[in-house]
Amino acid sequence: MDIRPNHTIYINNVNDKIKKEELKRSLYTLFSQFGQVMDIVAMKTMKMRGQAFVIFKELSAATNALRQLQGFPFYNKPMRIQYAKTDSDLISKMRGTYGDKEKKKEKKRKAQEQAANVNKKPAGAVSTQPPPPATVQVPDNPPNYILFLNNLPEETNEMMLSMLFNQFPGFKEVRLVPGKHDIAFVEFESEAQAGVAKDALQGFRITATCAMKITYAKK
């Protein structure tokens, strides 16, 4: 029986030897390239071992991830992915189907917030918000088949970076720098192939706070 498309996807055949926190980080890294990931549920109980749920904000992102990553070798085991059978609480809350009690609470809170904002802002007040920052241009070197990554979060590991970059043709290997968690090198077969990956993943956030900076490595 076909399960209808859902914001939440269910994954099984996951390597259950991986620690829960590392597993969740790696799943986030892999799946967030398809869209905004709201939450990841992975429990190490006997009943839930080797399984995980990934909850996307957009249905199209869940569909793309399911198609693209079906059978993806994740920690040496091919992932089996399908839509979850029911909406997660998170999505139900977003849709407002979580129950009238929750809706009423939310309405009341919003009304209170609006009242507070009206009281705070005098009529005719000028917005003092700073203008949005300009897009930062990363200074670069001449094209090279090796990419240099920096501004990586502390928990970055070789597996995470390999999962990100091996979706691009010509990927060869990731090299981490011992003692320096925030930088790494990624090698491709040609400069052109390295350039495609560089453009696609420039500014990719492995965690919410660290946007990866990619330049060509110095020759």
N, C-alpha and C. Protein backbone atom coordinates (compact mmCIF):
# COMPACT_ATOMS: atom_id res chain seq x y z
N MET A 1 0.84 -1.19 0.00
CA MET A 1 0.00 0.00 0.00
C MET A 1 0.88 1.25 0.00
N ASP A 2 0.55 2.19 -0.91
CA ASP A 2 1.33 3.42 -0.97
C ASP A 2 1.00 4.34 0.20
N ILE A 3 2.03 4.96 0.75
CA ILE A 3 1.83 5.92 1.82
C ILE A 3 1.83 7.30 1.17
N ARG A 4 0.88 8.14 1.57
CA ARG A 4 0.80 9.46 0.90
C ARG A 4 2.02 10.31 1.26
N PRO A 5 2.41 11.22 0.35
CA PRO A 5 3.56 12.09 0.63
C PRO A 5 3.40 12.84 1.95
N ASN A 6 4.52 13.04 2.61
CA ASN A 6 4.50 13.61 3.96
C ASN A 6 5.75 14.47 4.17
N HIS A 7 5.64 15.48 5.02
CA HIS A 7 6.82 16.31 5.36
C HIS A 7 7.87 15.49 6.11
N THR A 8 7.44 14.41 6.75
CA THR A 8 8.35 13.59 7.55
C THR A 8 8.71 12.34 6.76
N ILE A 9 10.01 12.04 6.68
CA ILE A 9 10.41 10.79 6.03
C ILE A 9 10.98 9.83 7.08
N TYR A 10 10.75 8.55 6.82
CA TYR A 10 11.16 7.50 7.75
C TYR A 10 12.31 6.75 7.09
N ILE A 11 13.38 6.57 7.85
CA ILE A 11 14.58 5.90 7.31
C ILE A 11 14.86 4.67 8.17
N ASN A 12 15.12 3.55 7.51
CA ASN A 12 15.61 2.41 8.29
C ASN A 12 16.83 1.80 7.63
N ASN A 13 17.33 0.71 8.21
CA ASN A 13 18.61 0.11 7.82
C ASN A 13 19.76 1.08 8.09
N VAL A 14 19.64 1.85 9.17
CA VAL A 14 20.71 2.79 9.57
C VAL A 14 21.71 2.04 10.46
N ASN A 15 22.98 2.32 10.29
CA ASN A 15 24.02 1.67 11.09
C ASN A 15 23.81 2.01 12.57
N ASP A 16 23.46 1.00 13.39
CA ASP A 16 23.11 1.30 14.79
C ASP A 16 24.33 1.34 15.72
N LYS A 17 25.53 1.26 15.13
CA LYS A 17 26.75 1.37 15.97
C LYS A 17 27.15 2.84 16.18
N ILE A 18 26.51 3.74 15.41
CA ILE A 18 26.89 5.16 15.48
C ILE A 18 26.22 5.81 16.68
N LYS A 19 26.99 6.65 17.39
CA LYS A 19 26.42 7.35 18.56
C LYS A 19 25.29 8.27 18.10
N LYS A 20 24.28 8.41 18.98
CA LYS A 20 23.06 9.16 18.62
C LYS A 20 23.36 10.58 18.16
N GLU A 21 24.22 11.31 18.89
CA GLU A 21 24.47 12.72 18.53
C GLU A 21 25.18 12.83 17.18
N GLU A 22 26.16 11.93 16.96
CA GLU A 22 26.87 11.96 15.67
C GLU A 22 25.91 11.60 14.54
N LEU A 23 25.05 10.62 14.79
CA LEU A 23 24.07 10.19 13.79
C LEU A 23 23.16 11.36 13.40
N LYS A 24 22.66 12.08 14.40
CA LYS A 24 21.75 13.19 14.12
C LYS A 24 22.46 14.30 13.34
N ARG A 25 23.71 14.58 13.72
CA ARG A 25 24.47 15.62 13.00
C ARG A 25 24.70 15.21 11.54
N SER A 26 25.07 13.94 11.34
CA SER A 26 25.35 13.48 9.97
C SER A 26 24.08 13.47 9.13
N LEU A 27 22.97 13.06 9.74
CA LEU A 27 21.69 13.08 9.01
C LEU A 27 21.32 14.52 8.64
N TYR A 28 21.54 15.44 9.58
CA TYR A 28 21.23 16.86 9.31
C TYR A 28 22.07 17.37 8.13
N THR A 29 23.36 17.05 8.17
CA THR A 29 24.27 17.50 7.10
C THR A 29 23.82 16.97 5.75
N LEU A 30 23.46 15.70 5.72
CA LEU A 30 23.09 15.05 4.47
C LEU A 30 21.75 15.57 3.94
N PHE A 31 20.76 15.71 4.81
CA PHE A 31 19.41 16.02 4.35
C PHE A 31 19.15 17.51 4.19
N SER A 32 19.90 18.37 4.89
CA SER A 32 19.58 19.80 4.81
C SER A 32 19.96 20.41 3.46
N GLN A 33 20.70 19.66 2.62
CA GLN A 33 20.97 20.18 1.28
C GLN A 33 19.69 20.21 0.43
N PHE A 34 18.63 19.50 0.86
CA PHE A 34 17.38 19.47 0.08
C PHE A 34 16.37 20.51 0.55
N GLY A 35 16.59 21.09 1.73
CA GLY A 35 15.64 22.08 2.24
C GLY A 35 15.77 22.18 3.76
N GLN A 36 14.93 23.04 4.34
CA GLN A 36 15.05 23.28 5.78
C GLN A 36 14.59 22.07 6.59
N VAL A 37 15.50 21.55 7.42
CA VAL A 37 15.18 20.42 8.30
C VAL A 37 14.71 20.99 9.64
N MET A 38 13.46 20.64 10.01
CA MET A 38 12.89 21.16 11.26
C MET A 38 13.38 20.35 12.47
N ASP A 39 13.50 19.04 12.28
CA ASP A 39 13.89 18.20 13.41
C ASP A 39 14.33 16.83 12.89
N ILE A 40 15.13 16.15 13.70
CA ILE A 40 15.55 14.78 13.39
C ILE A 40 15.29 13.95 14.64
N VAL A 41 14.60 12.84 14.46
CA VAL A 41 14.31 11.97 15.60
C VAL A 41 15.08 10.66 15.38
N ALA A 42 15.99 10.36 16.29
CA ALA A 42 16.74 9.09 16.23
C ALA A 42 16.90 8.62 17.66
N MET A 43 16.32 7.48 17.97
CA MET A 43 16.41 6.96 19.35
C MET A 43 17.18 5.65 19.35
N LYS A 44 17.86 5.39 20.46
CA LYS A 44 18.68 4.18 20.53
C LYS A 44 17.97 3.06 21.30
N THR A 45 16.64 3.18 21.49
CA THR A 45 15.92 2.10 22.18
C THR A 45 15.92 0.86 21.29
N MET A 46 15.70 -0.31 21.87
CA MET A 46 15.70 -1.56 21.10
C MET A 46 14.71 -1.47 19.93
N LYS A 47 13.53 -0.92 20.21
CA LYS A 47 12.47 -0.87 19.20
C LYS A 47 12.83 0.07 18.05
N MET A 48 13.60 1.13 18.35
CA MET A 48 13.89 2.15 17.34
C MET A 48 15.31 2.08 16.77
N ARG A 49 16.06 1.06 17.14
CA ARG A 49 17.45 0.97 16.64
C ARG A 49 17.47 0.88 15.12
N GLY A 50 18.45 1.56 14.53
CA GLY A 50 18.61 1.48 13.07
C GLY A 50 17.55 2.25 12.30
N GLN A 51 16.80 3.13 13.00
CA GLN A 51 15.74 3.90 12.35
C GLN A 51 15.86 5.37 12.71
N ALA A 52 15.30 6.22 11.86
CA ALA A 52 15.30 7.66 12.15
C ALA A 52 14.17 8.32 11.36
N PHE A 53 13.76 9.48 11.84
CA PHE A 53 12.78 10.30 11.13
C PHE A 53 13.42 11.65 10.86
N VAL A 54 13.23 12.18 9.65
CA VAL A 54 13.70 13.52 9.31
C VAL A 54 12.47 14.34 8.93
N ILE A 55 12.29 15.49 9.61
CA ILE A 55 11.11 16.31 9.39
C ILE A 55 11.52 17.57 8.63
N PHE A 56 10.95 17.73 7.43
CA PHE A 56 11.24 18.90 6.59
C PHE A 56 10.14 19.95 6.74
N LYS A 57 10.50 21.21 6.50
CA LYS A 57 9.48 22.27 6.52
C LYS A 57 8.61 22.16 5.26
N GLU A 58 9.25 21.86 4.12
CA GLU A 58 8.52 21.80 2.84
C GLU A 58 8.34 20.36 2.39
N LEU A 59 7.16 20.08 1.85
CA LEU A 59 6.88 18.73 1.34
C LEU A 59 7.79 18.39 0.15
N SER A 60 8.05 19.40 -0.71
CA SER A 60 8.89 19.15 -1.89
C SER A 60 10.30 18.72 -1.49
N ALA A 61 10.80 19.28 -0.38
CA ALA A 61 12.15 18.93 0.09
C ALA A 61 12.18 17.47 0.55
N ALA A 62 11.12 17.04 1.25
CA ALA A 62 11.04 15.65 1.71
C ALA A 62 11.01 14.70 0.51
N THR A 63 10.24 15.08 -0.52
CA THR A 63 10.12 14.24 -1.73
C THR A 63 11.46 14.13 -2.45
N ASN A 64 12.15 15.27 -2.61
CA ASN A 64 13.46 15.26 -3.28
C ASN A 64 14.46 14.41 -2.54
N ALA A 65 14.49 14.57 -1.21
CA ALA A 65 15.45 13.82 -0.39
C ALA A 65 15.17 12.32 -0.52
N LEU A 66 13.90 11.96 -0.49
CA LEU A 66 13.53 10.53 -0.58
C LEU A 66 14.02 9.94 -1.91
N ARG A 67 13.81 10.70 -2.99
CA ARG A 67 14.21 10.18 -4.32
C ARG A 67 15.73 10.11 -4.48
N GLN A 68 16.39 11.21 -4.06
CA GLN A 68 17.84 11.31 -4.31
C GLN A 68 18.66 10.38 -3.41
N LEU A 69 18.19 10.15 -2.18
CA LEU A 69 19.03 9.42 -1.22
C LEU A 69 18.58 7.98 -0.98
N GLN A 70 17.60 7.54 -1.74
CA GLN A 70 17.16 6.14 -1.61
C GLN A 70 18.36 5.22 -1.90
N GLY A 71 18.72 4.38 -0.95
CA GLY A 71 19.85 3.46 -1.17
C GLY A 71 21.22 4.09 -0.97
N PHE A 72 21.26 5.35 -0.52
CA PHE A 72 22.55 6.04 -0.31
C PHE A 72 23.36 5.30 0.76
N PRO A 73 24.65 5.01 0.47
CA PRO A 73 25.46 4.27 1.46
C PRO A 73 25.85 5.16 2.64
N PHE A 74 25.09 5.07 3.71
CA PHE A 74 25.26 5.92 4.89
C PHE A 74 25.94 5.10 5.96
N TYR A 75 27.19 5.46 6.32
CA TYR A 75 27.99 4.64 7.24
C TYR A 75 28.00 3.18 6.77
N ASN A 76 28.24 3.00 5.47
CA ASN A 76 28.39 1.67 4.84
C ASN A 76 27.12 0.82 4.79
N LYS A 77 25.96 1.41 5.03
CA LYS A 77 24.71 0.65 4.88
C LYS A 77 23.75 1.45 4.00
N PRO A 78 23.15 0.80 2.97
CA PRO A 78 22.22 1.56 2.10
C PRO A 78 20.96 1.96 2.86
N MET A 79 20.62 3.23 2.82
CA MET A 79 19.42 3.70 3.53
C MET A 79 18.15 3.27 2.79
N ARG A 80 17.16 2.87 3.56
CA ARG A 80 15.83 2.62 2.98
C ARG A 80 14.92 3.73 3.48
N ILE A 81 14.32 4.47 2.54
CA ILE A 81 13.55 5.67 2.92
C ILE A 81 12.12 5.57 2.40
N GLN A 82 11.17 5.98 3.23
CA GLN A 82 9.79 6.12 2.77
C GLN A 82 9.15 7.28 3.53
N TYR A 83 7.97 7.71 3.06
CA TYR A 83 7.26 8.74 3.81
C TYR A 83 6.77 8.14 5.13
N ALA A 84 6.79 8.96 6.19
CA ALA A 84 6.24 8.49 7.46
C ALA A 84 4.72 8.30 7.30
N LYS A 85 4.16 7.40 8.13
CA LYS A 85 2.73 7.10 7.98
C LYS A 85 1.84 8.21 8.52
N THR A 86 2.33 8.95 9.52
CA THR A 86 1.51 10.04 10.08
C THR A 86 2.35 11.30 10.19
N ASP A 87 1.67 12.44 10.25
CA ASP A 87 2.38 13.71 10.43
C ASP A 87 3.05 13.73 11.80
N SER A 88 4.20 14.35 11.87
CA SER A 88 4.82 14.54 13.18
C SER A 88 4.07 15.65 13.92
N ASP A 89 4.22 15.69 15.24
CA ASP A 89 3.58 16.75 16.03
C ASP A 89 3.99 18.13 15.51
N LEU A 90 5.26 18.23 15.11
CA LEU A 90 5.79 19.51 14.67
C LEU A 90 5.02 20.06 13.48
N ILE A 91 4.78 19.17 12.48
CA ILE A 91 4.07 19.60 11.27
C ILE A 91 2.60 19.85 11.60
N SER A 92 2.02 18.98 12.46
CA SER A 92 0.63 19.19 12.87
C SER A 92 0.49 20.58 13.49
N LYS A 93 1.47 20.94 14.31
CA LYS A 93 1.40 22.26 14.96
C LYS A 93 1.47 23.37 13.91
N MET A 94 2.36 23.20 12.93
CA MET A 94 2.49 24.22 11.88
C MET A 94 1.19 24.37 11.10
N ARG A 95 0.52 23.24 10.85
CA ARG A 95 -0.72 23.27 10.08
C ARG A 95 -1.92 23.69 10.93
N GLY A 96 -1.73 23.67 12.25
CA GLY A 96 -2.84 24.01 13.12
C GLY A 96 -3.78 22.85 13.35
N THR A 97 -3.33 21.62 13.09
CA THR A 97 -4.21 20.46 13.31
C THR A 97 -3.86 19.75 14.61
N TYR A 98 -3.08 20.41 15.43
CA TYR A 98 -2.59 19.75 16.65
C TYR A 98 -3.62 19.74 17.77
N GLY A 99 -4.71 20.45 17.59
CA GLY A 99 -5.73 20.48 18.64
C GLY A 99 -6.11 21.92 18.95
N ASP A 100 -7.40 22.10 19.25
CA ASP A 100 -7.91 23.45 19.50
C ASP A 100 -7.24 24.12 20.68
N LYS A 101 -6.90 23.32 21.69
CA LYS A 101 -6.29 23.90 22.89
C LYS A 101 -4.99 24.62 22.52
N GLU A 102 -4.17 23.93 21.69
CA GLU A 102 -2.89 24.53 21.27
C GLU A 102 -3.15 25.81 20.47
N LYS A 103 -4.17 25.76 19.59
CA LYS A 103 -4.47 26.92 18.76
C LYS A 103 -4.87 28.12 19.60
N LYS A 104 -5.72 27.86 20.59
CA LYS A 104 -6.20 28.95 21.46
C LYS A 104 -5.03 29.59 22.21
N LYS A 105 -4.14 28.71 22.72
CA LYS A 105 -2.96 29.20 23.45
C LYS A 105 -2.12 30.10 22.54
N GLU A 106 -1.90 29.62 21.32
CA GLU A 106 -1.08 30.35 20.35
C GLU A 106 -1.73 31.70 20.03
N LYS A 107 -3.07 31.72 19.82
CA LYS A 107 -3.80 32.95 19.51
C LYS A 107 -3.64 33.97 20.63
N LYS A 108 -3.81 33.47 21.86
CA LYS A 108 -3.73 34.34 23.03
C LYS A 108 -2.33 34.95 23.13
N ARG A 109 -1.30 34.11 22.92
CA ARG A 109 0.08 34.57 23.02
C ARG A 109 0.36 35.64 21.97
N LYS A 110 -0.13 35.40 20.73
CA LYS A 110 0.10 36.37 19.65
C LYS A 110 -0.59 37.70 19.96
N ALA A 111 -1.82 37.62 20.49
CA ALA A 111 -2.58 38.84 20.82
C ALA A 111 -1.82 39.64 21.88
N GLN A 112 -1.28 38.91 22.87
CA GLN A 112 -0.52 39.58 23.92
C GLN A 112 0.73 40.25 23.36
N GLU A 113 1.42 39.50 22.44
CA GLU A 113 2.64 40.05 21.82
C GLU A 113 2.33 41.32 21.04
N GLN A 114 1.23 41.26 20.25
CA GLN A 114 0.86 42.41 19.43
C GLN A 114 0.55 43.62 20.31
N ALA A 115 -0.20 43.37 21.39
CA ALA A 115 -0.55 44.45 22.31
C ALA A 115 0.71 45.07 22.89
N ALA A 116 1.66 44.22 23.27
CA ALA A 116 2.91 44.71 23.85
C ALA A 116 3.69 45.54 22.82
N ASN A 117 3.69 45.08 21.57
CA ASN A 117 4.42 45.81 20.52
C ASN A 117 3.79 47.17 20.25
N VAL A 118 2.45 47.21 20.25
CA VAL A 118 1.75 48.48 19.99
C VAL A 118 2.11 49.48 21.09
N ASN A 119 2.13 48.99 22.33
CA ASN A 119 2.45 49.87 23.46
C ASN A 119 3.89 50.37 23.38
N LYS A 120 4.76 49.50 22.87
CA LYS A 120 6.19 49.85 22.84
C LYS A 120 6.50 50.93 21.80
N LYS A 121 5.85 50.83 20.60
CA LYS A 121 6.25 51.68 19.48
C LYS A 121 5.42 52.96 19.42
N PRO A 122 6.00 54.12 19.68
CA PRO A 122 5.22 55.35 19.55
C PRO A 122 4.86 55.59 18.08
N ALA A 123 3.72 56.27 17.86
CA ALA A 123 3.27 56.54 16.48
C ALA A 123 4.34 57.33 15.75
N GLY A 124 4.54 56.98 14.49
CA GLY A 124 5.50 57.71 13.66
C GLY A 124 6.95 57.42 13.99
N ALA A 125 7.19 56.36 14.77
CA ALA A 125 8.57 56.04 15.13
C ALA A 125 9.32 55.54 13.90
N VAL A 126 10.56 55.92 13.81
CA VAL A 126 11.37 55.49 12.66
C VAL A 126 12.04 54.19 13.02
N SER A 127 12.00 53.22 12.10
CA SER A 127 12.63 51.93 12.37
C SER A 127 14.14 52.12 12.50
N THR A 128 14.69 51.58 13.57
CA THR A 128 16.14 51.74 13.78
C THR A 128 16.91 50.48 13.41
N GLN A 129 16.23 49.58 12.69
CA GLN A 129 16.92 48.33 12.32
C GLN A 129 18.04 48.61 11.33
N PRO A 130 19.21 48.02 11.54
CA PRO A 130 20.30 48.25 10.58
C PRO A 130 19.95 47.60 9.24
N PRO A 131 20.49 48.14 8.13
CA PRO A 131 20.21 47.51 6.83
C PRO A 131 20.81 46.11 6.80
N PRO A 132 20.24 45.21 5.97
CA PRO A 132 20.80 43.84 5.91
C PRO A 132 22.24 43.87 5.42
N PRO A 133 23.09 42.99 5.96
CA PRO A 133 24.50 43.01 5.54
C PRO A 133 24.64 42.63 4.07
N ALA A 134 25.61 43.24 3.41
CA ALA A 134 25.86 42.90 2.00
C ALA A 134 26.44 41.50 1.93
N THR A 135 26.21 40.85 0.80
CA THR A 135 26.74 39.49 0.63
C THR A 135 28.27 39.55 0.67
N VAL A 136 28.84 38.71 1.52
CA VAL A 136 30.30 38.75 1.68
C VAL A 136 30.95 37.97 0.53
N GLN A 137 31.84 38.62 -0.17
CA GLN A 137 32.58 37.94 -1.23
C GLN A 137 33.81 37.28 -0.61
N VAL A 138 33.95 35.99 -0.83
CA VAL A 138 35.12 35.30 -0.27
C VAL A 138 36.30 35.50 -1.23
N PRO A 139 37.41 36.14 -0.75
CA PRO A 139 38.56 36.32 -1.65
C PRO A 139 39.06 34.96 -2.12
N ASP A 140 39.44 34.87 -3.39
CA ASP A 140 39.77 33.55 -3.94
C ASP A 140 41.11 33.50 -4.63
N ASN A 141 41.59 32.26 -4.83
CA ASN A 141 42.83 32.00 -5.58
C ASN A 141 42.45 31.55 -6.99
N PRO A 142 43.45 31.43 -7.90
CA PRO A 142 43.15 30.92 -9.24
C PRO A 142 42.57 29.50 -9.14
N PRO A 143 41.75 29.10 -10.14
CA PRO A 143 41.13 27.76 -10.10
C PRO A 143 42.13 26.64 -9.83
N ASN A 144 41.66 25.65 -9.08
CA ASN A 144 42.49 24.52 -8.68
C ASN A 144 41.57 23.31 -8.51
N TYR A 145 42.10 22.11 -8.66
CA TYR A 145 41.25 20.92 -8.48
C TYR A 145 41.11 20.57 -6.99
N ILE A 146 41.84 21.31 -6.13
CA ILE A 146 41.69 21.11 -4.68
C ILE A 146 41.00 22.34 -4.08
N LEU A 147 39.96 22.09 -3.28
CA LEU A 147 39.24 23.17 -2.61
C LEU A 147 39.71 23.29 -1.16
N PHE A 148 39.72 24.50 -0.67
CA PHE A 148 40.07 24.77 0.72
C PHE A 148 38.80 25.22 1.45
N LEU A 149 38.44 24.51 2.52
CA LEU A 149 37.24 24.86 3.28
C LEU A 149 37.68 25.47 4.61
N ASN A 150 36.99 26.53 5.01
CA ASN A 150 37.21 27.01 6.38
C ASN A 150 35.89 27.47 6.99
N ASN A 151 35.97 27.90 8.25
CA ASN A 151 34.79 28.23 9.06
C ASN A 151 33.92 26.99 9.27
N LEU A 152 34.56 25.85 9.48
CA LEU A 152 33.82 24.61 9.74
C LEU A 152 33.55 24.49 11.24
N PRO A 153 32.39 23.95 11.63
CA PRO A 153 32.13 23.79 13.07
C PRO A 153 33.01 22.70 13.68
N GLU A 154 33.13 22.75 14.99
CA GLU A 154 34.04 21.85 15.71
C GLU A 154 33.72 20.38 15.48
N GLU A 155 32.41 20.06 15.32
CA GLU A 155 32.03 18.64 15.21
C GLU A 155 32.16 18.07 13.81
N THR A 156 32.71 18.86 12.87
CA THR A 156 32.87 18.37 11.49
C THR A 156 33.76 17.12 11.47
N ASN A 157 33.35 16.12 10.70
CA ASN A 157 34.22 14.96 10.51
C ASN A 157 34.29 14.60 9.02
N GLU A 158 35.17 13.68 8.72
CA GLU A 158 35.42 13.30 7.32
C GLU A 158 34.15 12.77 6.66
N MET A 159 33.37 11.98 7.43
CA MET A 159 32.13 11.39 6.90
C MET A 159 31.16 12.48 6.44
N MET A 160 30.97 13.49 7.28
CA MET A 160 30.03 14.57 6.94
C MET A 160 30.43 15.27 5.63
N LEU A 161 31.73 15.63 5.53
CA LEU A 161 32.18 16.34 4.34
C LEU A 161 32.13 15.45 3.10
N SER A 162 32.48 14.17 3.28
CA SER A 162 32.41 13.25 2.13
C SER A 162 30.98 13.15 1.61
N MET A 163 30.00 13.08 2.55
CA MET A 163 28.60 12.97 2.13
C MET A 163 28.16 14.20 1.34
N LEU A 164 28.67 15.35 1.74
CA LEU A 164 28.30 16.59 1.04
C LEU A 164 28.91 16.64 -0.36
N PHE A 165 30.20 16.30 -0.45
CA PHE A 165 30.92 16.52 -1.70
C PHE A 165 30.85 15.35 -2.68
N ASN A 166 30.57 14.12 -2.19
CA ASN A 166 30.62 13.01 -3.15
C ASN A 166 29.41 12.94 -4.06
N GLN A 167 28.45 13.89 -3.87
CA GLN A 167 27.33 13.95 -4.83
C GLN A 167 27.75 14.66 -6.12
N PHE A 168 28.96 15.24 -6.13
CA PHE A 168 29.44 15.96 -7.33
C PHE A 168 30.42 15.09 -8.10
N PRO A 169 30.31 15.09 -9.44
CA PRO A 169 31.21 14.26 -10.26
C PRO A 169 32.67 14.66 -10.03
N GLY A 170 33.53 13.65 -10.07
CA GLY A 170 34.97 13.92 -9.97
C GLY A 170 35.50 13.97 -8.54
N PHE A 171 34.62 13.77 -7.56
CA PHE A 171 35.08 13.82 -6.15
C PHE A 171 36.10 12.71 -5.89
N LYS A 172 37.22 13.07 -5.24
CA LYS A 172 38.24 12.06 -4.91
C LYS A 172 38.34 11.82 -3.41
N GLU A 173 38.65 12.87 -2.65
CA GLU A 173 38.80 12.64 -1.20
C GLU A 173 38.72 13.93 -0.40
N VAL A 174 38.47 13.73 0.91
CA VAL A 174 38.47 14.83 1.87
C VAL A 174 39.70 14.66 2.76
N ARG A 175 40.40 15.77 3.04
CA ARG A 175 41.55 15.68 3.95
C ARG A 175 41.35 16.68 5.09
N LEU A 176 41.24 16.18 6.29
CA LEU A 176 41.15 17.07 7.45
C LEU A 176 42.55 17.44 7.90
N VAL A 177 42.67 18.54 8.62
CA VAL A 177 43.98 18.99 9.10
C VAL A 177 44.07 18.68 10.59
N PRO A 178 44.98 17.77 11.01
CA PRO A 178 45.07 17.40 12.43
C PRO A 178 45.28 18.63 13.32
N GLY A 179 44.49 18.69 14.38
CA GLY A 179 44.63 19.80 15.34
C GLY A 179 43.92 21.07 14.93
N LYS A 180 43.35 21.09 13.70
CA LYS A 180 42.62 22.28 13.26
C LYS A 180 41.24 21.83 12.77
N HIS A 181 40.24 21.98 13.64
CA HIS A 181 38.92 21.44 13.31
C HIS A 181 38.18 22.28 12.27
N ASP A 182 38.58 23.55 12.09
CA ASP A 182 37.75 24.45 11.27
C ASP A 182 38.18 24.52 9.80
N ILE A 183 39.20 23.75 9.39
CA ILE A 183 39.61 23.78 7.98
C ILE A 183 39.75 22.36 7.43
N ALA A 184 39.64 22.24 6.10
CA ALA A 184 39.80 20.94 5.43
C ALA A 184 40.07 21.18 3.95
N PHE A 185 40.55 20.13 3.28
CA PHE A 185 40.77 20.18 1.83
C PHE A 185 39.92 19.10 1.17
N VAL A 186 39.39 19.42 -0.02
CA VAL A 186 38.61 18.43 -0.78
C VAL A 186 39.20 18.37 -2.18
N GLU A 187 39.56 17.17 -2.60
CA GLU A 187 40.21 17.02 -3.92
C GLU A 187 39.24 16.47 -4.95
N PHE A 188 39.28 17.06 -6.17
CA PHE A 188 38.49 16.59 -7.32
C PHE A 188 39.44 16.19 -8.45
N GLU A 189 38.88 15.55 -9.47
CA GLU A 189 39.73 15.13 -10.59
C GLU A 189 40.14 16.30 -11.48
N SER A 190 39.29 17.34 -11.55
CA SER A 190 39.64 18.48 -12.41
C SER A 190 39.22 19.80 -11.76
N GLU A 191 39.78 20.89 -12.28
CA GLU A 191 39.45 22.22 -11.76
C GLU A 191 37.97 22.54 -11.99
N ALA A 192 37.46 22.15 -13.17
CA ALA A 192 36.06 22.46 -13.50
C ALA A 192 35.11 21.76 -12.53
N GLN A 193 35.41 20.49 -12.23
CA GLN A 193 34.55 19.73 -11.30
C GLN A 193 34.61 20.33 -9.89
N ALA A 194 35.81 20.76 -9.49
CA ALA A 194 35.95 21.41 -8.18
C ALA A 194 35.13 22.70 -8.15
N GLY A 195 35.14 23.43 -9.27
CA GLY A 195 34.41 24.71 -9.36
C GLY A 195 32.91 24.54 -9.19
N VAL A 196 32.35 23.46 -9.77
CA VAL A 196 30.91 23.20 -9.67
C VAL A 196 30.53 22.97 -8.20
N ALA A 197 31.32 22.14 -7.52
CA ALA A 197 31.04 21.84 -6.10
C ALA A 197 31.21 23.09 -5.25
N LYS A 198 32.22 23.88 -5.57
CA LYS A 198 32.49 25.12 -4.81
C LYS A 198 31.30 26.07 -4.89
N ASP A 199 30.79 26.28 -6.10
CA ASP A 199 29.66 27.20 -6.28
C ASP A 199 28.41 26.68 -5.59
N ALA A 200 28.19 25.36 -5.69
CA ALA A 200 26.96 24.79 -5.14
C ALA A 200 26.93 24.81 -3.61
N LEU A 201 28.09 24.62 -2.98
CA LEU A 201 28.11 24.49 -1.52
C LEU A 201 28.67 25.72 -0.79
N GLN A 202 28.95 26.79 -1.54
CA GLN A 202 29.45 28.02 -0.88
C GLN A 202 28.42 28.50 0.14
N GLY A 203 28.86 28.68 1.38
CA GLY A 203 27.94 29.19 2.41
C GLY A 203 27.04 28.13 3.02
N PHE A 204 27.22 26.85 2.63
CA PHE A 204 26.38 25.78 3.19
C PHE A 204 26.59 25.71 4.71
N ARG A 205 25.49 25.57 5.45
CA ARG A 205 25.60 25.53 6.92
C ARG A 205 25.56 24.08 7.41
N ILE A 206 26.69 23.59 7.90
CA ILE A 206 26.71 22.26 8.50
C ILE A 206 25.98 22.31 9.84
N THR A 207 26.15 23.42 10.56
CA THR A 207 25.33 23.67 11.74
C THR A 207 24.69 25.04 11.53
N ALA A 208 23.72 25.37 12.37
CA ALA A 208 22.97 26.61 12.16
C ALA A 208 23.85 27.86 12.19
N THR A 209 25.00 27.79 12.89
CA THR A 209 25.79 29.01 13.08
C THR A 209 26.99 29.14 12.15
N CYS A 210 27.46 28.04 11.56
CA CYS A 210 28.69 28.10 10.76
C CYS A 210 28.41 27.95 9.26
N ALA A 211 28.57 29.06 8.52
CA ALA A 211 28.43 28.98 7.05
C ALA A 211 29.82 28.68 6.47
N MET A 212 29.91 27.56 5.76
CA MET A 212 31.20 27.10 5.23
C MET A 212 31.71 28.06 4.16
N LYS A 213 32.99 28.43 4.24
CA LYS A 213 33.61 29.26 3.20
C LYS A 213 34.51 28.36 2.35
N ILE A 214 34.36 28.46 1.04
CA ILE A 214 35.13 27.60 0.12
C ILE A 214 35.92 28.44 -0.85
N THR A 215 37.22 28.19 -0.94
CA THR A 215 38.05 28.84 -1.94
C THR A 215 38.88 27.76 -2.63
N TYR A 216 39.50 28.12 -3.75
CA TYR A 216 40.46 27.19 -4.36
C TYR A 216 41.71 27.17 -3.48
N ALA A 217 42.30 26.02 -3.30
CA ALA A 217 43.54 25.92 -2.53
C ALA A 217 44.68 26.61 -3.31
N LYS A 218 45.66 27.13 -2.59
CA LYS A 218 46.81 27.75 -3.28
C LYS A 218 47.60 26.68 -4.01
N LYS A 219 48.06 27.03 -5.21
CA LYS A 219 48.84 26.04 -5.97
C LYS A 219 50.28 26.06 -5.49
